[in-house]
C-alpha cells in the first residue's frame, strides 16, 4: 500500500525536528498529538531538574 505523509519540520540552531503524520489527519488530532509530545518533554525536563547533581569531587593534593 502506498500512502502520502505530511512532514512538518522546524530548524532550531543546527538541529532539525520533524512531525510526521498522514496527509488526511484531522488538525484536532494532530494538535492533540503535539500536546502529548509537549507534555512528555516537559515531564522529562522536570525530572532532570529534580535529580540531584553529582557532588563535585575534591581534588587531592599530590602526594610527595
C-alpha atoms as a PDB file:
ATOM      1  CA  UNK A   1       0.000   0.000   0.000  1.00  0.00           C
ATOM      2  CA  UNK A   2       1.190   3.480  -0.817  1.00  0.00           C
ATOM      3  CA  UNK A   3       0.155   6.439   1.297  1.00  0.00           C
ATOM      4  CA  UNK A   4       1.048  10.092   1.434  1.00  0.00           C
ATOM      5  CA  UNK A   5       2.559  11.605   4.560  1.00  0.00           C
ATOM      6  CA  UNK A   6       2.970  15.153   5.742  1.00  0.00           C
ATOM      7  CA  UNK A   7       6.212  16.202   7.407  1.00  0.00           C
ATOM      8  CA  UNK A   8       6.350  19.409   9.404  1.00  0.00           C
ATOM      9  CA  UNK A   9       9.910  20.473  10.079  1.00  0.00           C
ATOM     10  CA  UNK A  10      11.363  23.124  12.341  1.00  0.00           C
ATOM     11  CA  UNK A  11      15.030  24.017  12.303  1.00  0.00           C
ATOM     12  CA  UNK A  12      16.434  25.261  15.583  1.00  0.00           C
ATOM     13  CA  UNK A  13      20.109  26.047  15.572  1.00  0.00           C
ATOM     14  CA  UNK A  14      21.933  23.215  13.833  1.00  0.00           C
ATOM     15  CA  UNK A  15      19.221  20.621  14.535  1.00  0.00           C
ATOM     16  CA  UNK A  16      16.106  19.712  12.591  1.00  0.00           C
ATOM     17  CA  UNK A  17      12.896  18.493  14.307  1.00  0.00           C
ATOM     18  CA  UNK A  18      10.129  16.718  12.416  1.00  0.00           C
ATOM     19  CA  UNK A  19       6.497  15.797  12.976  1.00  0.00           C
ATOM     20  CA  UNK A  20       5.196  13.108  10.617  1.00  0.00           C
ATOM     21  CA  UNK A  21       1.517  12.307  10.084  1.00  0.00           C
ATOM     22  CA  UNK A  22      -0.895  11.063   7.438  1.00  0.00           C
ATOM     23  CA  UNK A  23      -1.914  13.749   4.975  1.00  0.00           C
ATOM     24  CA  UNK A  24      -5.585  13.347   5.910  1.00  0.00           C
ATOM     25  CA  UNK A  25      -5.033  13.624   9.677  1.00  0.00           C
ATOM     26  CA  UNK A  26      -7.617  15.875  11.301  1.00  0.00           C
ATOM     27  CA  UNK A  27      -5.984  19.037  12.622  1.00  0.00           C
ATOM     28  CA  UNK A  28      -7.519  18.466  16.040  1.00  0.00           C
ATOM     29  CA  UNK A  29      -5.828  15.063  16.316  1.00  0.00           C
ATOM     30  CA  UNK A  30      -2.502  16.500  15.133  1.00  0.00           C
ATOM     31  CA  UNK A  31      -2.865  19.186  17.809  1.00  0.00           C
ATOM     32  CA  UNK A  32      -3.624  16.564  20.474  1.00  0.00           C
ATOM     33  CA  UNK A  33      -0.565  14.525  19.437  1.00  0.00           C
ATOM     34  CA  UNK A  34       1.652  17.604  19.660  1.00  0.00           C
ATOM     35  CA  UNK A  35       0.246  18.366  23.130  1.00  0.00           C
ATOM     36  CA  UNK A  36       1.118  14.819  24.244  1.00  0.00           C
ATOM     37  CA  UNK A  37       4.674  15.234  22.911  1.00  0.00           C
ATOM     38  CA  UNK A  38       4.971  18.571  24.683  1.00  0.00           C
ATOM     39  CA  UNK A  39       3.734  17.083  27.975  1.00  0.00           C
ATOM     40  CA  UNK A  40       6.273  14.263  27.646  1.00  0.00           C
ATOM     41  CA  UNK A  41       9.147  16.679  27.058  1.00  0.00           C
ATOM     42  CA  UNK A  42       8.090  18.937  29.938  1.00  0.00           C
ATOM     43  CA  UNK A  43       7.903  15.889  32.223  1.00  0.00           C
ATOM     44  CA  UNK A  44      11.435  14.875  31.248  1.00  0.00           C
ATOM     45  CA  UNK A  45      12.678  18.424  31.871  1.00  0.00           C
ATOM     46  CA  UNK A  46      11.059  18.436  35.319  1.00  0.00           C
ATOM     47  CA  UNK A  47      12.602  15.029  36.110  1.00  0.00           C
ATOM     48  CA  UNK A  48      16.024  16.335  35.124  1.00  0.00           C
ATOM     49  CA  UNK A  49      15.625  19.370  37.400  1.00  0.00           C
ATOM     50  CA  UNK A  50      14.700  17.168  40.382  1.00  0.00           C
ATOM     51  CA  UNK A  51      17.706  14.853  40.078  1.00  0.00           C
ATOM     52  CA  UNK A  52      20.433  15.903  42.486  1.00  0.00           C
ATOM     53  CA  UNK A  53      23.617  16.807  40.741  1.00  0.00           C
ATOM     54  CA  UNK A  54      26.603  14.607  41.416  1.00  0.00           C
ATOM     55  CA  UNK A  55      28.724  16.151  44.158  1.00  0.00           C
ATOM     56  CA  UNK A  56      31.911  17.724  42.937  1.00  0.00           C
ATOM     57  CA  UNK A  57      34.922  15.558  43.593  1.00  0.00           C
ATOM     58  CA  UNK A  58      37.523  17.438  45.616  1.00  0.00           C
ATOM     59  CA  UNK A  59      40.898  17.327  44.024  1.00  0.00           C
ATOM     60  CA  UNK A  60      43.510  15.649  46.144  1.00  0.00           C
ATOM     61  CA  UNK A  61      46.816  17.333  46.785  1.00  0.00           C
ATOM     62  CA  UNK A  62      49.682  15.499  45.108  1.00  0.00           C
ATOM     63  CA  UNK A  63      51.493  13.120  47.471  1.00  0.00           C
ATOM     64  CA  UNK A  64      55.136  13.773  47.988  1.00  0.00           C
END
